[in-house]
């Protein structure tokens, strides 16, 4: 059973559900996407997992697949979704919206370096994952004082959630891969004045494995 939220902030971190096959093949980055059929089923799973839990605020990356997914929970909880630009996924510059297959043919060396040097390499005219995580952290620093003692739900990309959680735990960004959430995955992190702890990670995994 989860401890009662008192002098800390509880974050429910939700990776947006699976994207449609068309959008999943693109360097979507900070753009808008649509959900697959399996992705839409994730919304039902979220509602079941969160049914008996108190949520005080809901924030989502200002991207359609994050905002709309968060809206399903907000409707059930009688809340409004607060769309946040700083929670948007990594800006991919001139790669944005192009297919990864085409990019791998056009700029193979740059694409290879982008994936090999996790979080450190900027796409042409874009930002590195480290820079995207840093803007997330700056937003969180501004929000945190007013969220102590509350339960907050965030919906954004898996890479940003992993990077943010790694930073909260004092881990290097390169280690964030060990915190990867699947599409539709959910983690729970409690944030204290002197640190953070993962209270649960990838809730629903066992249920999904048995279905």
Protein backbone atom coordinates (compact mmCIF):
# COMPACT_ATOMS: atom_id res chain seq x y z
CA UNK A 1 0.00 0.00 0.00
CA UNK A 2 1.36 3.45 -0.88
CA UNK A 3 2.31 5.69 2.06
CA UNK A 4 0.11 8.72 2.68
CA UNK A 5 1.23 11.90 0.99
CA UNK A 6 2.14 14.47 3.64
CA UNK A 7 5.43 16.41 3.57
CA UNK A 8 6.45 15.31 0.10
CA UNK A 9 5.08 15.36 -3.42
CA UNK A 10 3.96 12.16 -5.12
CA UNK A 11 4.43 12.09 -8.88
CA UNK A 12 2.56 9.65 -11.07
CA UNK A 13 4.71 9.56 -14.20
CA UNK A 14 2.90 8.24 -17.27
CA UNK A 15 4.54 7.62 -20.60
CA UNK A 16 2.09 8.44 -23.37
CA UNK A 17 0.40 5.38 -24.91
CA UNK A 18 1.58 3.66 -28.08
CA UNK A 19 1.41 5.77 -31.25
CA UNK A 20 -0.13 4.80 -34.54
CA UNK A 21 2.20 2.88 -36.87
CA UNK A 22 2.50 5.90 -39.14
CA UNK A 23 3.54 8.26 -36.35
CA UNK A 24 5.80 5.69 -34.70
CA UNK A 25 7.91 5.55 -37.88
CA UNK A 26 8.56 9.31 -37.75
CA UNK A 27 11.04 11.47 -35.87
CA UNK A 28 8.02 12.92 -34.09
CA UNK A 29 9.94 14.73 -31.36
CA UNK A 30 7.95 17.71 -30.06
CA UNK A 31 5.20 17.28 -32.68
CA UNK A 32 1.67 15.92 -32.35
CA UNK A 33 0.84 12.24 -32.77
CA UNK A 34 -2.16 9.92 -32.74
CA UNK A 35 -2.65 6.73 -30.73
CA UNK A 36 -2.84 3.19 -32.01
CA UNK A 37 -5.67 0.87 -31.05
CA UNK A 38 -3.44 -0.63 -28.35
CA UNK A 39 -2.62 2.90 -27.22
CA UNK A 40 -6.28 3.70 -26.75
CA UNK A 41 -6.65 0.55 -24.66
CA UNK A 42 -3.91 1.92 -22.38
CA UNK A 43 -6.27 4.72 -21.41
CA UNK A 44 -8.70 2.14 -20.05
CA UNK A 45 -5.88 0.48 -18.12
CA UNK A 46 -4.83 3.83 -16.63
CA UNK A 47 -8.35 4.52 -15.41
CA UNK A 48 -8.43 1.13 -13.66
CA UNK A 49 -5.05 1.64 -12.00
CA UNK A 50 -5.90 5.14 -10.83
CA UNK A 51 -9.53 4.55 -9.90
CA UNK A 52 -9.02 4.52 -6.14
CA UNK A 53 -6.14 7.01 -5.99
CA UNK A 54 -6.38 10.70 -5.19
CA UNK A 55 -4.93 13.06 -7.80
CA UNK A 56 -4.69 16.79 -7.11
CA UNK A 57 -3.27 18.10 -10.40
CA UNK A 58 -2.69 16.80 -13.91
CA UNK A 59 0.01 18.12 -16.24
CA UNK A 60 0.76 16.97 -19.78
CA UNK A 61 3.22 17.83 -22.50
CA UNK A 62 1.61 20.26 -24.92
CA UNK A 63 1.34 17.58 -27.61
CA UNK A 64 -1.92 16.00 -28.79
CA UNK A 65 -1.07 12.41 -27.83
CA UNK A 66 -0.14 13.56 -24.29
CA UNK A 67 -2.87 16.17 -23.74
CA UNK A 68 -5.65 13.95 -25.04
CA UNK A 69 -4.44 10.95 -23.06
CA UNK A 70 -4.30 12.99 -19.85
CA UNK A 71 -7.79 14.32 -20.57
CA UNK A 72 -9.24 10.83 -20.12
CA UNK A 73 -7.96 10.74 -16.55
CA UNK A 74 -8.88 14.36 -15.89
CA UNK A 75 -12.49 13.70 -16.88
CA UNK A 76 -12.71 10.79 -14.45
CA UNK A 77 -11.16 12.83 -11.63
CA UNK A 78 -13.09 16.05 -12.25
CA UNK A 79 -9.89 17.96 -13.04
CA UNK A 80 -8.48 20.04 -15.88
CA UNK A 81 -5.34 19.14 -17.82
CA UNK A 82 -2.63 21.78 -17.65
CA UNK A 83 -0.72 21.62 -20.94
CA UNK A 84 2.94 22.50 -20.46
CA UNK A 85 5.36 23.47 -23.24
CA UNK A 86 8.37 22.57 -21.08
CA UNK A 87 7.18 18.95 -20.91
CA UNK A 88 7.22 18.51 -24.68
CA UNK A 89 9.48 15.83 -26.08
CA UNK A 90 12.89 16.62 -27.54
CA UNK A 91 12.93 19.19 -30.36
CA UNK A 92 14.40 17.40 -33.39
CA UNK A 93 15.06 20.42 -35.60
CA UNK A 94 15.16 19.70 -39.30
CA UNK A 95 14.58 16.00 -38.62
CA UNK A 96 11.19 16.74 -37.09
CA UNK A 97 8.36 14.89 -38.85
CA UNK A 98 10.59 12.95 -41.24
CA UNK A 99 10.73 9.15 -41.30
CA UNK A 100 13.63 7.54 -39.45
CA UNK A 101 14.18 5.28 -42.44
CA UNK A 102 14.71 8.24 -44.75
CA UNK A 103 16.94 10.00 -42.24
CA UNK A 104 19.09 6.91 -41.83
CA UNK A 105 19.68 6.95 -45.60
CA UNK A 106 20.22 10.72 -45.87
CA UNK A 107 22.41 11.28 -42.80
CA UNK A 108 23.54 7.86 -41.55
CA UNK A 109 26.50 9.11 -39.50
CA UNK A 110 24.50 11.77 -37.67
CA UNK A 111 21.63 9.39 -36.94
CA UNK A 112 24.06 6.74 -35.67
CA UNK A 113 25.78 9.25 -33.37
CA UNK A 114 22.43 10.53 -32.15
CA UNK A 115 21.45 7.10 -30.84
CA UNK A 116 24.93 5.95 -29.79
CA UNK A 117 25.71 8.95 -27.56
CA UNK A 118 22.60 8.77 -25.41
CA UNK A 119 21.28 12.18 -24.50
CA UNK A 120 24.35 14.15 -25.57
CA UNK A 121 24.01 14.69 -29.33
CA UNK A 122 21.79 17.38 -30.85
CA UNK A 123 20.01 16.66 -34.13
CA UNK A 124 20.59 19.37 -36.77
CA UNK A 125 18.96 22.60 -35.52
CA UNK A 126 17.39 20.71 -32.61
CA UNK A 127 18.17 20.04 -28.96
CA UNK A 128 19.83 17.15 -27.16
CA UNK A 129 17.86 14.99 -24.77
CA UNK A 130 19.95 16.48 -21.97
CA UNK A 131 18.72 19.95 -22.90
CA UNK A 132 15.12 18.75 -23.03
CA UNK A 133 15.45 17.15 -19.59
CA UNK A 134 16.98 20.37 -18.26
CA UNK A 135 13.95 22.46 -19.29
CA UNK A 136 11.72 19.83 -17.63
CA UNK A 137 13.80 20.20 -14.45
CA UNK A 138 13.59 23.99 -14.56
CA UNK A 139 9.81 23.78 -14.85
CA UNK A 140 9.68 21.33 -11.95
CA UNK A 141 11.83 23.58 -9.76
CA UNK A 142 9.30 26.39 -10.23
CA UNK A 143 6.31 24.15 -9.56
CA UNK A 144 7.59 22.07 -6.65
CA UNK A 145 7.02 24.51 -3.72
CA UNK A 146 3.27 24.63 -4.34
CA UNK A 147 2.92 20.88 -4.81
CA UNK A 148 4.23 19.64 -1.46
CA UNK A 149 1.68 17.31 0.15
CA UNK A 150 -0.09 16.73 -3.15
CA UNK A 151 -0.36 13.94 -5.70
CA UNK A 152 0.46 15.05 -9.22
CA UNK A 153 0.12 13.23 -12.51
CA UNK A 154 2.41 13.95 -15.48
CA UNK A 155 2.05 12.62 -19.04
CA UNK A 156 4.94 13.00 -21.46
CA UNK A 157 7.51 10.98 -23.42
CA UNK A 158 9.40 8.02 -22.02
CA UNK A 159 12.81 9.61 -22.59
CA UNK A 160 11.93 12.75 -20.64
CA UNK A 161 10.41 10.76 -17.78
CA UNK A 162 13.49 8.53 -17.55
CA UNK A 163 15.85 11.49 -17.68
CA UNK A 164 13.86 13.45 -15.10
CA UNK A 165 13.66 10.49 -12.72
CA UNK A 166 17.38 9.81 -13.09
CA UNK A 167 18.11 13.44 -12.18
CA UNK A 168 15.82 13.25 -9.14
CA UNK A 169 17.74 10.16 -7.97
CA UNK A 170 21.13 11.76 -8.58
CA UNK A 171 21.96 9.49 -11.51
CA UNK A 172 23.78 10.40 -14.71
CA UNK A 173 21.61 10.82 -17.79
CA UNK A 174 23.45 7.91 -19.44
CA UNK A 175 21.98 5.65 -16.75
CA UNK A 176 18.40 6.73 -17.48
CA UNK A 177 17.97 3.82 -19.91
CA UNK A 178 17.56 1.51 -16.91
CA UNK A 179 14.42 3.48 -16.01
CA UNK A 180 12.72 3.10 -19.37
CA UNK A 181 8.95 2.81 -19.22
CA UNK A 182 7.01 1.06 -22.00
CA UNK A 183 4.31 2.95 -23.88
CA UNK A 184 1.46 3.46 -21.44
CA UNK A 185 3.74 2.60 -18.52
CA UNK A 186 3.38 4.29 -15.16
CA UNK A 187 5.85 4.98 -12.37
CA UNK A 188 5.41 6.53 -8.93
CA UNK A 189 8.14 8.78 -7.50
CA UNK A 190 7.98 10.52 -4.14
CA UNK A 191 9.95 13.78 -3.98
CA UNK A 192 11.30 14.96 -0.60
CA UNK A 193 13.30 18.02 0.43
CA UNK A 194 16.47 15.95 0.59
CA UNK A 195 15.95 13.55 -2.27
CA UNK A 196 13.56 11.20 -4.02
CA UNK A 197 12.59 7.55 -4.08
CA UNK A 198 10.84 5.31 -6.58
CA UNK A 199 7.79 3.97 -4.78
CA UNK A 200 6.63 1.86 -7.74
CA UNK A 201 7.72 1.43 -11.35
CA UNK A 202 5.83 0.22 -14.39
CA UNK A 203 2.58 -0.40 -12.56
CA UNK A 204 0.37 -2.85 -14.40
CA UNK A 205 3.25 -4.83 -15.96
CA UNK A 206 2.27 -8.12 -14.33
CA UNK A 207 -1.37 -7.58 -15.26
CA UNK A 208 -0.40 -6.96 -18.87
CA UNK A 209 1.84 -10.01 -18.97
CA UNK A 210 -1.03 -12.22 -17.83
CA UNK A 211 -3.58 -10.86 -20.31
